[in-house]
Protein backbone atom coordinates (compact mmCIF):
# COMPACT_ATOMS: atom_id res chain seq x y z
CA MET A 1 -7.73 9.99 25.73
CA LYS A 2 -4.37 11.71 26.12
CA ILE A 3 -0.92 10.18 25.78
CA TYR A 4 1.59 12.50 27.41
CA ASN A 5 5.26 12.67 28.35
CA VAL A 6 6.35 11.47 24.92
CA LYS A 7 8.63 12.47 22.08
CA ILE A 8 6.40 12.74 19.01
CA LYS A 9 7.61 12.00 15.50
CA THR A 10 4.72 13.43 13.53
CA MET A 11 6.13 12.62 10.04
CA THR A 12 5.14 16.13 8.95
CA GLY A 13 8.68 17.49 9.21
CA LYS A 14 8.29 18.60 12.81
CA ASP A 15 9.31 16.56 15.83
CA ILE A 16 8.15 17.38 19.36
CA GLU A 17 10.74 16.61 22.02
CA ASN A 18 8.23 16.55 24.86
CA GLY A 19 4.53 16.67 24.25
CA TYR A 20 1.21 14.91 24.14
CA ILE A 21 -1.59 13.97 21.80
CA GLU A 22 -5.29 13.84 22.49
CA SER A 23 -7.71 11.62 20.60
CA GLU A 24 -11.48 11.50 20.54
CA ASP A 25 -13.97 9.39 18.58
CA GLY A 26 -11.15 7.64 16.71
CA LYS A 27 -9.51 10.85 15.51
CA ILE A 28 -6.53 12.87 16.67
CA LYS A 29 -7.93 15.97 18.33
CA ALA A 30 -4.72 17.77 19.33
CA VAL A 31 -0.93 17.46 19.04
CA CYS A 32 0.79 19.71 21.57
CA GLU A 33 4.14 20.54 23.12
CA GLY A 34 4.60 20.39 26.87
CA THR A 35 2.36 18.83 29.48
CA PRO A 36 -1.46 18.77 29.47
CA ASP A 37 -3.20 20.95 32.03
CA SER A 38 -4.95 17.93 33.44
CA VAL A 39 -4.92 14.15 33.06
CA SER A 40 -7.41 11.46 33.99
CA ASP A 41 -7.12 7.80 34.93
CA SER A 42 -7.80 6.84 31.31
CA ASP A 43 -4.89 8.92 30.03
CA ILE A 44 -1.49 7.30 29.52
CA ASP A 45 1.93 8.42 30.71
CA GLY A 46 4.31 7.57 27.85
CA ARG A 47 7.32 7.62 30.21
CA GLY A 48 9.50 9.54 27.78
CA GLY A 49 8.90 7.09 24.93
CA LEU A 50 8.73 7.72 21.19
CA LEU A 51 5.27 8.12 19.64
CA LEU A 52 4.96 7.43 15.91
CA PRO A 53 2.14 7.01 13.40
CA GLY A 54 1.21 3.40 12.82
CA PHE A 55 3.23 1.81 10.05
CA ILE A 56 1.61 1.19 6.65
CA ASP A 57 2.51 -1.65 4.31
CA ALA A 58 1.86 -0.28 0.83
CA HIS A 59 1.53 -3.63 -0.96
CA THR A 60 0.44 -6.96 0.52
CA HIS A 61 -1.78 -9.98 -0.02
CA LEU A 62 -2.73 -10.00 3.65
CA GLY A 63 -5.67 -12.26 4.42
CA ILE A 64 -6.27 -13.20 0.80
CA ILE A 65 -3.40 -15.68 0.99
CA GLU A 66 -4.01 -17.19 4.40
CA ASN A 67 -1.36 -18.26 6.86
CA GLY A 68 -0.28 -21.90 6.56
CA ILE A 69 -3.02 -22.90 4.12
CA ASP A 70 -2.52 -24.03 0.53
CA PHE A 71 -5.15 -23.81 -2.23
CA GLU A 72 -8.10 -23.75 0.17
CA GLY A 73 -6.98 -20.44 1.69
CA ASP A 74 -5.41 -18.87 -1.40
CA ASP A 75 -7.88 -16.56 -3.14
CA CYS A 76 -5.30 -14.25 -4.67
CA ASN A 77 -5.48 -15.09 -8.39
CA GLU A 78 -8.46 -15.92 -10.59
CA ALA A 79 -6.25 -17.39 -13.30
CA THR A 80 -9.09 -18.37 -15.61
CA ASP A 81 -9.45 -15.02 -17.38
CA PRO A 82 -6.52 -12.68 -18.00
CA PHE A 83 -8.55 -9.48 -17.53
CA THR A 84 -10.60 -9.31 -14.32
CA PRO A 85 -10.95 -5.72 -13.06
CA GLN A 86 -14.39 -6.58 -11.67
CA LEU A 87 -12.96 -8.77 -8.91
CA ARG A 88 -13.03 -7.13 -5.49
CA VAL A 89 -10.23 -8.12 -3.18
CA ILE A 90 -12.49 -7.42 -0.19
CA ASP A 91 -14.52 -10.54 -1.12
CA GLY A 92 -11.49 -12.80 -0.62
CA ILE A 93 -9.97 -11.46 2.60
CA ASN A 94 -10.15 -13.38 5.87
CA PRO A 95 -9.59 -10.74 8.60
CA LEU A 96 -9.31 -13.47 11.24
CA ASP A 97 -6.08 -14.72 9.68
CA ARG A 98 -3.43 -14.60 12.43
CA CYS A 99 -1.14 -12.40 10.32
CA PHE A 100 -3.39 -9.41 11.04
CA SER A 101 -2.58 -9.70 14.74
CA GLU A 102 1.11 -10.15 13.93
CA ALA A 103 0.97 -6.90 11.97
CA VAL A 104 -0.63 -5.10 14.90
CA SER A 105 1.97 -6.46 17.29
CA ARG A 106 4.73 -4.80 15.25
CA GLY A 107 2.94 -1.47 14.95
CA ILE A 108 1.51 -1.91 11.46
CA THR A 109 -1.95 -0.38 11.62
CA CYS A 110 -2.87 -0.29 7.93
CA ALA A 111 -2.13 -2.42 4.87
CA VAL A 112 -2.84 -2.13 1.18
CA ILE A 113 -4.26 -5.49 0.12
CA ALA A 114 -4.15 -6.47 -3.55
CA PRO A 115 -5.05 -9.42 -5.76
CA GLY A 116 -2.11 -11.27 -7.22
CA SER A 117 -0.18 -10.80 -10.45
CA ALA A 118 -1.21 -13.87 -12.46
CA ASN A 119 -3.47 -11.73 -14.65
CA PRO A 120 -2.64 -8.61 -16.69
CA CYS A 121 -5.50 -7.11 -14.68
CA GLY A 122 -6.32 -8.73 -11.35
CA GLY A 123 -9.02 -6.58 -9.73
CA GLU A 124 -9.70 -3.91 -7.13
CA ILE A 125 -7.23 -3.07 -4.37
CA ILE A 126 -8.15 -1.77 -0.92
CA ALA A 127 -6.46 -0.21 2.08
CA ALA A 128 -7.63 -1.65 5.38
CA LYS A 129 -6.84 -1.33 9.05
CA THR A 130 -5.19 -4.37 10.60
CA SER A 131 -7.45 -4.64 13.63
CA GLY A 132 -10.99 -5.98 13.43
CA ARG A 133 -13.18 -8.99 12.74
CA ARG A 134 -15.17 -7.84 9.70
CA ILE A 135 -13.24 -6.48 6.74
CA ASP A 136 -16.07 -4.07 5.87
CA ASP A 137 -15.49 -2.31 9.21
CA MET A 138 -11.70 -2.25 8.65
CA LEU A 139 -11.91 -0.76 5.17
CA VAL A 140 -10.29 2.62 4.61
CA LYS A 141 -11.15 2.84 0.91
CA THR A 142 -10.70 1.27 -2.49
CA VAL A 143 -7.35 2.61 -3.68
CA GLY A 144 -6.63 1.10 -7.08
CA ILE A 145 -6.80 -1.52 -9.79
CA LYS A 146 -4.12 -4.19 -10.00
CA PHE A 147 -2.24 -4.66 -13.27
CA ALA A 148 0.73 -6.99 -13.86
CA LEU A 149 3.49 -6.91 -16.43
CA GLY A 150 6.45 -9.20 -16.98
CA GLU A 151 6.94 -12.85 -16.15
CA ASN A 152 3.92 -13.71 -14.02
CA PRO A 153 1.16 -13.42 -16.67
CA LYS A 154 3.50 -14.94 -19.27
CA ARG A 155 4.20 -17.97 -17.10
CA VAL A 156 0.61 -18.54 -15.99
CA TYR A 157 -0.95 -18.34 -19.44
CA ASN A 158 1.92 -20.10 -21.23
CA ASP A 159 1.15 -23.09 -18.98
CA ARG A 160 -2.46 -22.87 -20.18
CA ASP A 161 -1.46 -22.26 -23.82
CA GLU A 162 -3.60 -19.11 -23.86
CA THR A 163 -3.03 -15.40 -24.43
CA PRO A 164 -0.93 -13.69 -23.16
CA VAL A 165 2.39 -15.50 -23.48
CA THR A 166 4.47 -12.44 -24.41
CA ARG A 167 4.99 -8.99 -22.93
CA MET A 168 3.42 -7.55 -26.08
CA ALA A 169 0.23 -9.54 -25.56
CA THR A 170 0.07 -8.64 -21.86
CA ALA A 171 0.19 -4.94 -22.72
CA ALA A 172 -2.36 -5.46 -25.50
CA VAL A 173 -4.81 -7.18 -23.14
CA ILE A 174 -4.55 -4.21 -20.77
CA ARG A 175 -4.96 -1.69 -23.59
CA GLU A 176 -8.00 -3.48 -24.96
CA GLY A 177 -9.72 -3.48 -21.56
CA LEU A 178 -8.93 0.17 -20.89
CA ALA A 179 -10.05 1.21 -24.39
CA LYS A 180 -13.41 -0.54 -23.92
CA ALA A 181 -13.83 1.12 -20.54
CA LYS A 182 -13.00 4.54 -22.00
CA ARG A 183 -15.63 4.12 -24.70
CA TYR A 184 -18.09 2.90 -22.05
CA LEU A 185 -17.38 6.01 -19.94
CA ASP A 186 -17.77 8.27 -22.98
CA ASP A 187 -21.15 6.68 -23.68
CA LEU A 188 -22.19 7.12 -20.04
CA ASN A 189 -21.21 10.79 -20.13
CA GLU A 190 -23.03 11.31 -23.40
CA TYR A 191 -26.18 9.75 -21.94
CA GLU A 192 -25.96 11.83 -18.76
CA ASN A 193 -25.54 15.02 -20.79
CA ASP A 194 -28.28 14.25 -23.31
CA SER A 195 -30.51 11.37 -22.22
CA GLU A 196 -33.14 12.18 -24.85
CA ASN A 197 -30.82 11.65 -27.83
CA ALA A 198 -28.28 9.18 -26.43
CA ASP A 199 -28.69 5.62 -25.22
CA MET A 200 -27.51 4.26 -21.88
CA PRO A 201 -24.70 1.78 -22.65
CA GLU A 202 -25.40 -1.86 -21.86
CA TYR A 203 -24.10 -2.67 -18.39
CA ASP A 204 -20.55 -4.09 -18.39
CA ILE A 205 -19.17 -5.08 -15.01
CA LYS A 206 -15.54 -4.92 -16.18
CA CYS A 207 -15.92 -1.45 -17.62
CA GLU A 208 -17.81 -0.29 -14.53
CA ALA A 209 -14.88 -1.36 -12.35
CA LEU A 210 -12.48 0.72 -14.45
CA VAL A 211 -14.55 3.92 -14.49
CA PRO A 212 -13.09 5.22 -11.18
CA LEU A 213 -9.59 4.61 -12.57
CA LEU A 214 -10.32 6.57 -15.75
CA LYS A 215 -11.79 9.36 -13.61
CA LYS A 216 -8.53 9.41 -11.58
CA GLU A 217 -10.39 8.62 -8.39
CA ILE A 218 -8.07 5.65 -7.83
CA CYS A 219 -4.66 4.60 -9.17
CA ALA A 220 -3.31 1.88 -11.43
CA HIS A 221 -0.98 -0.32 -9.39
CA PHE A 222 1.41 -1.94 -11.88
CA HIS A 223 3.34 -5.03 -10.77
CA CYS A 224 6.66 -4.70 -12.57
CA HIS A 225 10.22 -5.65 -11.70
CA ARG A 226 12.20 -5.00 -14.88
CA ALA A 227 13.03 -1.53 -16.18
CA ASP A 228 11.37 -2.14 -19.54
CA ASP A 229 8.16 -3.25 -17.80
CA ILE A 230 8.20 -0.09 -15.69
CA PHE A 231 8.38 1.97 -18.87
CA THR A 232 5.51 -0.03 -20.38
CA ALA A 233 3.44 0.82 -17.31
CA LEU A 234 4.23 4.52 -17.76
CA ARG A 235 3.51 4.31 -21.49
CA ILE A 236 0.07 2.79 -20.95
CA SER A 237 -0.68 5.26 -18.16
CA LYS A 238 0.06 8.21 -20.43
CA GLU A 239 -2.01 6.74 -23.27
CA PHE A 240 -5.10 6.47 -21.06
CA ASP A 241 -4.37 9.40 -18.73
CA ILE A 242 -4.42 7.29 -15.56
CA LYS A 243 -2.32 7.63 -12.40
CA PRO A 244 0.27 4.86 -12.02
CA VAL A 245 1.95 3.45 -8.92
CA ILE A 246 4.90 1.19 -9.68
CA ILE A 247 4.85 -1.88 -7.45
CA HIS A 248 8.16 -3.66 -6.73
CA ALA A 249 10.31 -1.51 -9.10
CA THR A 250 13.18 -3.97 -8.62
CA GLU A 251 15.25 -2.44 -11.42
CA GLY A 252 14.24 1.07 -10.43
CA HIS A 253 17.80 1.83 -9.34
CA LEU A 254 18.94 1.38 -12.97
CA ILE A 255 16.57 4.10 -14.23
CA ALA A 256 15.99 6.16 -11.07
CA ASP A 257 17.02 9.46 -12.68
CA ILE A 258 14.39 9.00 -15.40
CA LEU A 259 11.72 7.97 -12.91
CA GLY A 260 12.49 11.01 -10.76
CA LYS A 261 11.99 13.33 -13.74
CA GLU A 262 8.73 11.54 -14.55
CA GLY A 263 7.41 12.17 -11.01
CA VAL A 264 6.88 8.46 -10.42
CA THR A 265 5.60 6.91 -7.18
CA ALA A 266 7.19 3.54 -6.41
CA VAL A 267 6.55 0.86 -3.80
CA ALA A 268 9.85 -0.99 -3.46
CA GLY A 269 10.00 -4.55 -2.22
CA PRO A 270 10.14 -7.22 -1.16
CA ILE A 271 13.69 -6.53 -0.01
CA LEU A 272 14.35 -9.49 2.30
CA CYS A 273 14.13 -12.22 -0.32
CA ASP A 274 16.16 -14.15 -2.84
CA ARG A 275 16.38 -13.44 -6.55
CA CYS A 276 13.78 -16.11 -7.15
CA LYS A 277 13.06 -15.47 -10.83
CA PRO A 278 14.91 -13.97 -13.81
CA GLU A 279 13.20 -10.55 -13.67
CA MET A 280 14.54 -10.13 -10.12
CA LYS A 281 18.17 -10.73 -11.02
CA SER A 282 18.99 -7.06 -10.36
CA LEU A 283 17.51 -7.02 -6.84
CA GLU A 284 19.71 -4.86 -4.59
CA ILE A 285 19.17 -3.50 -1.09
CA GLU A 286 20.30 -0.10 -2.42
CA ASN A 287 17.21 0.15 -4.65
CA ALA A 288 14.97 2.18 -2.33
CA ALA A 289 17.84 4.51 -1.43
CA VAL A 290 18.67 5.24 -5.08
CA LEU A 291 15.01 5.83 -5.91
CA ALA A 292 14.52 8.24 -3.01
CA LYS A 293 17.74 10.15 -3.74
CA ASN A 294 16.55 10.70 -7.31
CA GLY A 295 13.28 12.27 -6.20
CA VAL A 296 11.03 9.23 -6.59
CA LYS A 297 8.26 9.15 -3.98
CA THR A 298 9.25 5.84 -2.41
CA ALA A 299 7.38 3.48 -0.12
CA ILE A 300 8.54 0.05 1.04
CA CYS A 301 6.44 -3.12 1.17
CA THR A 302 6.76 -6.73 2.28
CA ASP A 303 4.56 -8.18 -0.47
CA HIS A 304 3.17 -10.36 2.35
CA THR A 305 3.12 -13.37 2.25
CA VAL A 306 6.42 -13.23 0.34
CA ILE A 307 7.88 -11.60 3.44
CA PRO A 308 5.76 -11.85 6.62
CA ILE A 309 4.18 -8.47 7.24
CA GLN A 310 5.70 -8.05 10.71
CA TYR A 311 9.09 -7.63 9.02
CA LEU A 312 8.06 -4.36 7.33
CA PRO A 313 10.18 -2.25 9.74
CA LEU A 314 13.09 -4.64 9.24
CA SER A 315 12.71 -4.19 5.48
CA ALA A 316 13.01 -0.43 6.01
CA ALA A 317 16.09 -1.03 8.17
CA ILE A 318 17.69 -3.08 5.39
CA ALA A 319 17.02 -0.14 3.05
CA VAL A 320 18.94 2.06 5.52
CA LYS A 321 21.80 -0.43 5.36
CA GLY A 322 21.61 0.02 1.57
CA GLY A 323 22.11 3.77 1.88
CA MET A 324 18.64 5.16 2.51
CA GLU A 325 18.43 8.00 5.00
CA PHE A 326 16.80 6.91 8.25
CA GLU A 327 14.13 9.60 7.94
CA ASP A 328 13.32 8.51 4.39
CA ALA A 329 13.03 4.91 5.58
CA LEU A 330 10.50 5.97 8.22
CA LYS A 331 8.61 7.95 5.57
CA SER A 332 8.57 4.89 3.32
CA ILE A 333 6.38 3.01 5.81
CA THR A 334 4.34 5.97 7.10
CA CYS A 335 3.56 9.15 5.17
CA ASN A 336 4.98 8.06 1.80
CA ALA A 337 3.11 4.76 2.02
CA ALA A 338 -0.09 6.69 2.79
CA GLU A 339 0.48 8.96 -0.21
CA ALA A 340 1.20 6.01 -2.50
CA ALA A 341 -2.09 4.46 -1.41
CA GLY A 342 -4.07 7.68 -1.66
CA ILE A 343 -5.02 7.61 2.02
CA ALA A 344 -2.84 10.44 3.35
CA ASP A 345 -5.98 12.32 4.37
CA ARG A 346 -6.65 9.56 6.91
CA THR A 347 -3.35 8.20 8.12
CA GLY A 348 0.44 8.18 7.80
CA SER A 349 1.20 11.09 10.11
CA ILE A 350 0.22 12.44 13.50
CA GLU A 351 -1.94 15.50 12.85
CA PRO A 352 -5.26 16.80 14.15
CA GLY A 353 -8.17 15.38 12.17
CA LYS A 354 -6.42 12.18 11.11
CA ASP A 355 -7.19 8.69 12.36
CA ALA A 356 -5.74 8.00 15.80
CA ASP A 357 -3.41 5.27 14.49
CA PHE A 358 -0.22 5.39 16.51
CA GLN A 359 2.43 3.32 18.29
CA LEU A 360 4.67 3.96 21.27
CA TYR A 361 8.23 2.72 21.80
CA PRO A 362 10.22 2.78 25.05
CA ASN A 363 12.60 5.69 25.56
CA GLY A 364 15.72 5.18 23.44
CA ALA A 365 14.31 2.41 21.24
CA ASN A 366 14.89 2.42 17.50
CA PRO A 367 11.54 1.63 15.81
CA LEU A 368 13.31 -0.06 12.88
CA ASP A 369 15.51 -2.28 15.04
CA VAL A 370 14.79 -5.99 14.72
CA MET A 371 14.79 -6.25 18.52
CA SER A 372 12.28 -3.42 18.98
CA GLU A 373 8.53 -3.68 19.41
CA PRO A 374 5.98 -1.05 20.33
CA VAL A 375 4.66 -1.25 23.86
CA LEU A 376 1.42 0.40 22.84
CA VAL A 377 -0.52 0.36 19.55
CA ALA A 378 -3.79 2.12 18.78
CA VAL A 379 -6.03 1.83 15.73
CA GLU A 380 -8.59 4.62 15.36
CA GLY A 381 -8.07 5.50 19.01
CA LYS A 382 -8.67 1.98 20.31
CA ILE A 383 -5.77 0.44 22.18
CA VAL A 384 -5.13 -2.89 20.43
CA LYS A 385 -1.79 -3.69 22.07
CA ASN A 386 -0.70 -2.66 25.55
CA ALA A 387 2.53 -4.12 26.89
CA PHE A 388 3.13 -1.47 29.54
């Protein structure tokens, strides 16, 4: 399939004023300037519109907190054990939740879906496409393990009169779990290197879940709003040599110069919300702009269901109002979001070999405008919205 007569924003640093893309078997086969030599009935004339990669929401609870349902449809937090890395978010997601289709309608083709932040460690995080009926078929990959610092674990376990009820205890619970997993991995490596003289460690499902993190195959996604919690996340990450992604980073603008020097990746948001708890008292719409200007790799999220996922582009627009460059705002929900999730080899830009996830806007439309919607959306080359 070819889509031609379009302006292409590839998100690779090169825009094509008039060109076309060709996709085949769910992948982008070619990205070219000019007009194709031939077109068929199945090819699409973009009528001078703007072609973009599908948007990516870098932190959500999509489908694990269902639309309009209370406890029965909320599978986000297993608040009976503060350390649960063995939980797999994929087992709690309902892909038939209507919010998936609302995401598609606004050009969001991929979302990072995480457990909640009640526990110091909440479980595995995945990236998934937003179109489909079975989450296994929508899965891009497992991208991380969810950790939470600050008020949420304190509040949840204070109500239960259990550990942790302080920031110190929350960090200690995380350290204990990571230390056990490190010893478990050391024992596994010793057994693999010398099975005659070393014993296979007894199977531990929690440690097994953390092995990919310790091997740096996935990242540690730390929920943290306050500056001191961000630094705790970085401290723990250095102690265990794991790769952190700072989720929310609400006070990031207060320490952005330090975070830039540290080479931090941050997922800022939600932006369109009130300061609903003490650790969010410093919420400012300038946050993402300040982070980006200080060299922090910055993505923007809705934290759906906190903000409905279809307002991801609007969240990026609010960041522009707060001083973020328009191009950086687009990056925050395309290529930067893909890099934060560790899926930039699959999506986030329009390049040959990547998934054919794209969206088309009418000529002259601003993709971040609240009044704009894509007229065409494709996920892995399949047209999932066509309003032509």
